[in-house]
Amino acid sequence: SYEHDGNEKTPTITVKDGNTVLVKDTDYTIDTTSTTTSTAAYGTYTVKVNGTGNYTGSAVKGWEITDHAAPELDIRITDNTIRTALNAITFGLFFKQTQTVTITAADAGSGVDKVYYFTSATAVSTVDELKTLAGTNWTEDDSFSKDPEAKFIVYAKATDKAGNEAYAASNGI
């Protein structure tokens, strides 16, 4: 298993018969359907070894590139980032016109799977509180508009294809 870091991964293949290390192309070959190098960000791959010479049969071994990093999130109104820490939310942003809020997510590992938002007039200070407050009210979308008369905080959630989650909050609007 290798952690994704943006670099090509090539597992070391050692084939043994007991304590004897076998020799590639003399005692075994690597099947052409095997993946022995990958630049992919995330996934499970297999290497199939076929016995030759004094050895017969085959064996398959899996290897993987994992993604443990959550996506990165940004919340924007027009060209202004309005993301803030959950425990630092204040209501200091005012607008006279309907505003479009855009949420962007990036994940260099497995890639972004889904982006959600939730709006509330209630500020929370921890991710656990946010999960409780939002319940099932997350909307799957990365852009929406809000009336200027509304008082709200934007909470964003992104998941990647490996199942990692990230949360972010805007300042109060």
C-alpha atoms as a PDB file:
ATOM      1  CA  SER A   1       0.000   0.000   0.000  1.00  0.00           C
ATOM      2  CA  TYR A   2       1.264   3.456  -0.916  1.00  0.00           C
ATOM      3  CA  GLU A   3      -0.085   6.835   0.194  1.00  0.00           C
ATOM      4  CA  HIS A   4      -0.859   9.136  -2.733  1.00  0.00           C
ATOM      5  CA  ASP A   5       1.654  11.975  -2.932  1.00  0.00           C
ATOM      6  CA  GLY A   6       1.444  12.875  -6.637  1.00  0.00           C
ATOM      7  CA  ASN A   7       4.440  10.750  -7.638  1.00  0.00           C
ATOM      8  CA  GLU A   8       4.557   7.567  -9.690  1.00  0.00           C
ATOM      9  CA  LYS A   9       4.405   4.369  -7.621  1.00  0.00           C
ATOM     10  CA  THR A  10       6.160   1.101  -8.499  1.00  0.00           C
ATOM     11  CA  PRO A  11       5.887  -1.741  -5.989  1.00  0.00           C
ATOM     12  CA  THR A  12       8.884  -3.980  -5.416  1.00  0.00           C
ATOM     13  CA  ILE A  13       8.082  -7.476  -6.665  1.00  0.00           C
ATOM     14  CA  THR A  14       9.883 -10.318  -4.934  1.00  0.00           C
ATOM     15  CA  VAL A  15       8.880 -13.889  -5.754  1.00  0.00           C
ATOM     16  CA  LYS A  16      10.015 -16.673  -3.423  1.00  0.00           C
ATOM     17  CA  ASP A  17       9.870 -20.444  -3.208  1.00  0.00           C
ATOM     18  CA  GLY A  18      10.303 -20.923   0.527  1.00  0.00           C
ATOM     19  CA  ASN A  19      13.426 -18.895   1.354  1.00  0.00           C
ATOM     20  CA  THR A  20      14.724 -18.969  -2.226  1.00  0.00           C
ATOM     21  CA  VAL A  21      14.263 -15.734  -4.167  1.00  0.00           C
ATOM     22  CA  LEU A  22      13.268 -16.575  -7.741  1.00  0.00           C
ATOM     23  CA  VAL A  23      14.676 -14.825 -10.814  1.00  0.00           C
ATOM     24  CA  LYS A  24      12.397 -12.817 -13.100  1.00  0.00           C
ATOM     25  CA  ASP A  25      12.283 -14.104 -16.726  1.00  0.00           C
ATOM     26  CA  THR A  26      14.031 -17.323 -15.641  1.00  0.00           C
ATOM     27  CA  ASP A  27      11.705 -18.642 -12.931  1.00  0.00           C
ATOM     28  CA  TYR A  28       8.688 -16.407 -13.498  1.00  0.00           C
ATOM     29  CA  THR A  29       7.224 -13.684 -15.704  1.00  0.00           C
ATOM     30  CA  ILE A  30       4.903 -10.808 -14.898  1.00  0.00           C
ATOM     31  CA  ASP A  31       1.584 -11.182 -16.735  1.00  0.00           C
ATOM     32  CA  THR A  32       0.935  -8.406 -19.259  1.00  0.00           C
ATOM     33  CA  THR A  33      -2.407  -7.597 -17.610  1.00  0.00           C
ATOM     34  CA  SER A  34      -0.600  -6.625 -14.394  1.00  0.00           C
ATOM     35  CA  THR A  35      -0.180  -3.056 -13.235  1.00  0.00           C
ATOM     36  CA  THR A  36       3.383  -2.658 -12.024  1.00  0.00           C
ATOM     37  CA  THR A  37       3.564   1.157 -12.104  1.00  0.00           C
ATOM     38  CA  SER A  38       0.892   3.765 -11.601  1.00  0.00           C
ATOM     39  CA  THR A  39       0.647   7.516 -11.611  1.00  0.00           C
ATOM     40  CA  ALA A  40      -3.025   7.297 -10.629  1.00  0.00           C
ATOM     41  CA  ALA A  41      -4.066   9.031  -7.492  1.00  0.00           C
ATOM     42  CA  TYR A  42      -6.106   6.267  -5.928  1.00  0.00           C
ATOM     43  CA  GLY A  43      -6.989   2.676  -6.591  1.00  0.00           C
ATOM     44  CA  THR A  44      -6.306  -1.016  -6.199  1.00  0.00           C
ATOM     45  CA  TYR A  45      -4.095  -2.829  -8.699  1.00  0.00           C
ATOM     46  CA  THR A  46      -2.980  -6.421  -9.210  1.00  0.00           C
ATOM     47  CA  VAL A  47       0.209  -8.133 -10.274  1.00  0.00           C
ATOM     48  CA  LYS A  48      -0.025 -11.662 -11.690  1.00  0.00           C
ATOM     49  CA  VAL A  49       3.110 -13.813 -11.653  1.00  0.00           C
ATOM     50  CA  ASN A  50       3.325 -16.854 -13.964  1.00  0.00           C
ATOM     51  CA  GLY A  51       5.811 -19.618 -13.232  1.00  0.00           C
ATOM     52  CA  THR A  52       8.286 -20.631 -15.983  1.00  0.00           C
ATOM     53  CA  GLY A  53      11.117 -23.144 -16.257  1.00  0.00           C
ATOM     54  CA  ASN A  54      11.046 -25.334 -13.152  1.00  0.00           C
ATOM     55  CA  TYR A  55       8.000 -23.496 -11.811  1.00  0.00           C
ATOM     56  CA  THR A  56       4.367 -23.779 -12.908  1.00  0.00           C
ATOM     57  CA  GLY A  57       1.152 -22.091 -11.930  1.00  0.00           C
ATOM     58  CA  SER A  58       0.459 -18.477 -11.141  1.00  0.00           C
ATOM     59  CA  ALA A  59      -0.168 -16.152  -8.218  1.00  0.00           C
ATOM     60  CA  VAL A  60      -1.949 -12.825  -7.967  1.00  0.00           C
ATOM     61  CA  LYS A  61      -1.090 -10.150  -5.433  1.00  0.00           C
ATOM     62  CA  GLY A  62      -2.857  -6.814  -4.935  1.00  0.00           C
ATOM     63  CA  TRP A  63      -1.346  -3.427  -4.189  1.00  0.00           C
ATOM     64  CA  GLU A  64      -2.988  -0.071  -3.748  1.00  0.00           C
ATOM     65  CA  ILE A  65      -2.575   3.660  -3.696  1.00  0.00           C
ATOM     66  CA  THR A  66      -4.583   5.088  -0.815  1.00  0.00           C
ATOM     67  CA  ASP A  67      -6.061   8.521  -0.193  1.00  0.00           C
ATOM     68  CA  HIS A  68      -6.416   9.599   3.418  1.00  0.00           C
ATOM     69  CA  ALA A  69      -6.585  13.338   2.777  1.00  0.00           C
ATOM     70  CA  ALA A  70      -9.926  15.127   2.781  1.00  0.00           C
ATOM     71  CA  PRO A  71     -10.767  17.505  -0.075  1.00  0.00           C
ATOM     72  CA  GLU A  72      -9.981  21.207   0.185  1.00  0.00           C
ATOM     73  CA  LEU A  73     -12.958  23.575   0.220  1.00  0.00           C
ATOM     74  CA  ASP A  74     -13.470  27.235  -0.601  1.00  0.00           C
ATOM     75  CA  ILE A  75     -16.640  29.306  -0.295  1.00  0.00           C
ATOM     76  CA  ARG A  76     -16.876  32.444  -2.455  1.00  0.00           C
ATOM     77  CA  ILE A  77     -19.228  35.319  -3.205  1.00  0.00           C
ATOM     78  CA  THR A  78     -18.247  36.909  -6.510  1.00  0.00           C
ATOM     79  CA  ASP A  79     -14.427  36.963  -6.290  1.00  0.00           C
ATOM     80  CA  ASN A  80     -14.235  37.117  -2.496  1.00  0.00           C
ATOM     81  CA  THR A  81     -13.379  34.136  -0.326  1.00  0.00           C
ATOM     82  CA  ILE A  82     -15.745  34.100   2.624  1.00  0.00           C
ATOM     83  CA  ARG A  83     -14.581  30.890   4.254  1.00  0.00           C
ATOM     84  CA  THR A  84     -13.744  31.091   7.942  1.00  0.00           C
ATOM     85  CA  ALA A  85     -13.056  28.768  10.858  1.00  0.00           C
ATOM     86  CA  LEU A  86     -16.162  27.263  12.468  1.00  0.00           C
ATOM     87  CA  ASN A  87     -15.323  28.880  15.798  1.00  0.00           C
ATOM     88  CA  ALA A  88     -14.707  32.370  14.274  1.00  0.00           C
ATOM     89  CA  ILE A  89     -18.042  33.111  12.550  1.00  0.00           C
ATOM     90  CA  THR A  90     -19.244  36.716  12.762  1.00  0.00           C
ATOM     91  CA  PHE A  91     -22.037  38.513  10.923  1.00  0.00           C
ATOM     92  CA  GLY A  92     -20.068  41.240   9.175  1.00  0.00           C
ATOM     93  CA  LEU A  93     -20.916  40.773   5.492  1.00  0.00           C
ATOM     94  CA  PHE A  94     -23.771  42.826   4.040  1.00  0.00           C
ATOM     95  CA  PHE A  95     -25.124  42.874   0.485  1.00  0.00           C
ATOM     96  CA  LYS A  96     -27.858  44.954  -1.178  1.00  0.00           C
ATOM     97  CA  GLN A  97     -28.361  42.560  -4.093  1.00  0.00           C
ATOM     98  CA  THR A  98     -28.952  38.856  -4.528  1.00  0.00           C
ATOM     99  CA  GLN A  99     -25.624  37.087  -4.278  1.00  0.00           C
ATOM    100  CA  THR A 100     -24.380  33.897  -5.897  1.00  0.00           C
ATOM    101  CA  VAL A 101     -22.412  31.674  -3.568  1.00  0.00           C
ATOM    102  CA  THR A 102     -19.954  29.252  -5.168  1.00  0.00           C
ATOM    103  CA  ILE A 103     -18.320  26.331  -3.405  1.00  0.00           C
ATOM    104  CA  THR A 104     -15.209  24.823  -4.926  1.00  0.00           C
ATOM    105  CA  ALA A 105     -13.590  21.603  -3.859  1.00  0.00           C
ATOM    106  CA  ALA A 106     -10.306  20.046  -4.925  1.00  0.00           C
ATOM    107  CA  ASP A 107      -8.806  16.676  -4.109  1.00  0.00           C
ATOM    108  CA  ALA A 108      -5.466  15.579  -5.532  1.00  0.00           C
ATOM    109  CA  GLY A 109      -5.943  12.041  -4.257  1.00  0.00           C
ATOM    110  CA  SER A 110      -9.009  10.130  -5.373  1.00  0.00           C
ATOM    111  CA  GLY A 111     -10.798  13.189  -6.757  1.00  0.00           C
ATOM    112  CA  VAL A 112     -13.893  15.051  -5.592  1.00  0.00           C
ATOM    113  CA  ASP A 113     -17.043  12.955  -5.541  1.00  0.00           C
ATOM    114  CA  LYS A 114     -19.761  15.349  -4.320  1.00  0.00           C
ATOM    115  CA  VAL A 115     -20.153  18.905  -3.028  1.00  0.00           C
ATOM    116  CA  TYR A 116     -22.981  19.960  -0.715  1.00  0.00           C
ATOM    117  CA  TYR A 117     -24.131  23.089   1.060  1.00  0.00           C
ATOM    118  CA  PHE A 118     -26.399  23.915   3.945  1.00  0.00           C
ATOM    119  CA  THR A 119     -27.467  27.374   5.105  1.00  0.00           C
ATOM    120  CA  SER A 120     -28.476  28.353   8.604  1.00  0.00           C
ATOM    121  CA  ALA A 121     -28.852  31.487  10.694  1.00  0.00           C
ATOM    122  CA  THR A 122     -27.349  29.538  13.584  1.00  0.00           C
ATOM    123  CA  ALA A 123     -23.588  29.472  14.065  1.00  0.00           C
ATOM    124  CA  VAL A 124     -21.884  26.273  15.186  1.00  0.00           C
ATOM    125  CA  SER A 125     -18.358  25.908  16.478  1.00  0.00           C
ATOM    126  CA  THR A 126     -17.497  22.248  15.810  1.00  0.00           C
ATOM    127  CA  VAL A 127     -17.894  19.760  12.981  1.00  0.00           C
ATOM    128  CA  ASP A 128     -19.891  17.464  15.296  1.00  0.00           C
ATOM    129  CA  GLU A 129     -22.377  20.291  15.968  1.00  0.00           C
ATOM    130  CA  LEU A 130     -22.559  20.978  12.246  1.00  0.00           C
ATOM    131  CA  LYS A 131     -23.367  17.350  11.468  1.00  0.00           C
ATOM    132  CA  THR A 132     -26.155  17.410  14.084  1.00  0.00           C
ATOM    133  CA  LEU A 133     -27.548  20.767  12.907  1.00  0.00           C
ATOM    134  CA  ALA A 134     -27.547  19.878   9.228  1.00  0.00           C
ATOM    135  CA  GLY A 135     -29.121  16.455   9.654  1.00  0.00           C
ATOM    136  CA  THR A 136     -30.336  15.426   6.223  1.00  0.00           C
ATOM    137  CA  ASN A 137     -30.756  18.991   4.913  1.00  0.00           C
ATOM    138  CA  TRP A 138     -27.565  19.106   2.808  1.00  0.00           C
ATOM    139  CA  THR A 139     -28.213  20.139  -0.789  1.00  0.00           C
ATOM    140  CA  GLU A 140     -25.975  18.561  -3.409  1.00  0.00           C
ATOM    141  CA  ASP A 141     -24.811  21.548  -5.466  1.00  0.00           C
ATOM    142  CA  ASP A 142     -21.815  23.851  -5.704  1.00  0.00           C
ATOM    143  CA  SER A 143     -23.598  27.120  -6.463  1.00  0.00           C
ATOM    144  CA  PHE A 144     -26.747  28.900  -5.314  1.00  0.00           C
ATOM    145  CA  SER A 145     -28.207  32.388  -4.905  1.00  0.00           C
ATOM    146  CA  LYS A 146     -29.493  34.045  -1.746  1.00  0.00           C
ATOM    147  CA  ASP A 147     -31.806  37.011  -1.240  1.00  0.00           C
ATOM    148  CA  PRO A 148     -30.107  40.103   0.294  1.00  0.00           C
ATOM    149  CA  GLU A 149     -32.692  40.236   3.105  1.00  0.00           C
ATOM    150  CA  ALA A 150     -31.683  36.792   4.398  1.00  0.00           C
ATOM    151  CA  LYS A 151     -29.359  36.286   7.355  1.00  0.00           C
ATOM    152  CA  PHE A 152     -27.347  33.125   6.885  1.00  0.00           C
ATOM    153  CA  ILE A 153     -24.105  31.200   7.184  1.00  0.00           C
ATOM    154  CA  VAL A 154     -23.050  28.850   4.409  1.00  0.00           C
ATOM    155  CA  TYR A 155     -21.807  25.460   5.502  1.00  0.00           C
ATOM    156  CA  ALA A 156     -20.106  23.352   2.841  1.00  0.00           C
ATOM    157  CA  LYS A 157     -19.233  19.676   2.703  1.00  0.00           C
ATOM    158  CA  ALA A 158     -17.209  17.807   0.105  1.00  0.00           C
ATOM    159  CA  THR A 159     -16.563  14.095  -0.173  1.00  0.00           C
ATOM    160  CA  ASP A 160     -13.880  12.442  -2.247  1.00  0.00           C
ATOM    161  CA  LYS A 161     -14.054   9.089  -4.014  1.00  0.00           C
ATOM    162  CA  ALA A 162     -12.198   7.436  -1.136  1.00  0.00           C
ATOM    163  CA  GLY A 163     -14.923   8.518   1.313  1.00  0.00           C
ATOM    164  CA  ASN A 164     -13.013  11.333   3.052  1.00  0.00           C
ATOM    165  CA  GLU A 165     -15.114  14.343   4.081  1.00  0.00           C
ATOM    166  CA  ALA A 166     -14.249  18.007   4.528  1.00  0.00           C
ATOM    167  CA  TYR A 167     -16.361  20.761   6.070  1.00  0.00           C
ATOM    168  CA  ALA A 168     -16.147  24.540   5.846  1.00  0.00           C
ATOM    169  CA  ALA A 169     -18.168  27.559   6.932  1.00  0.00           C
ATOM    170  CA  SER A 170     -18.601  31.073   5.630  1.00  0.00           C
ATOM    171  CA  ASN A 171     -18.722  34.215   7.656  1.00  0.00           C
ATOM    172  CA  GLY A 172     -22.223  35.336   8.557  1.00  0.00           C
ATOM    173  CA  ILE A 173     -23.982  37.161   5.736  1.00  0.00           C
END
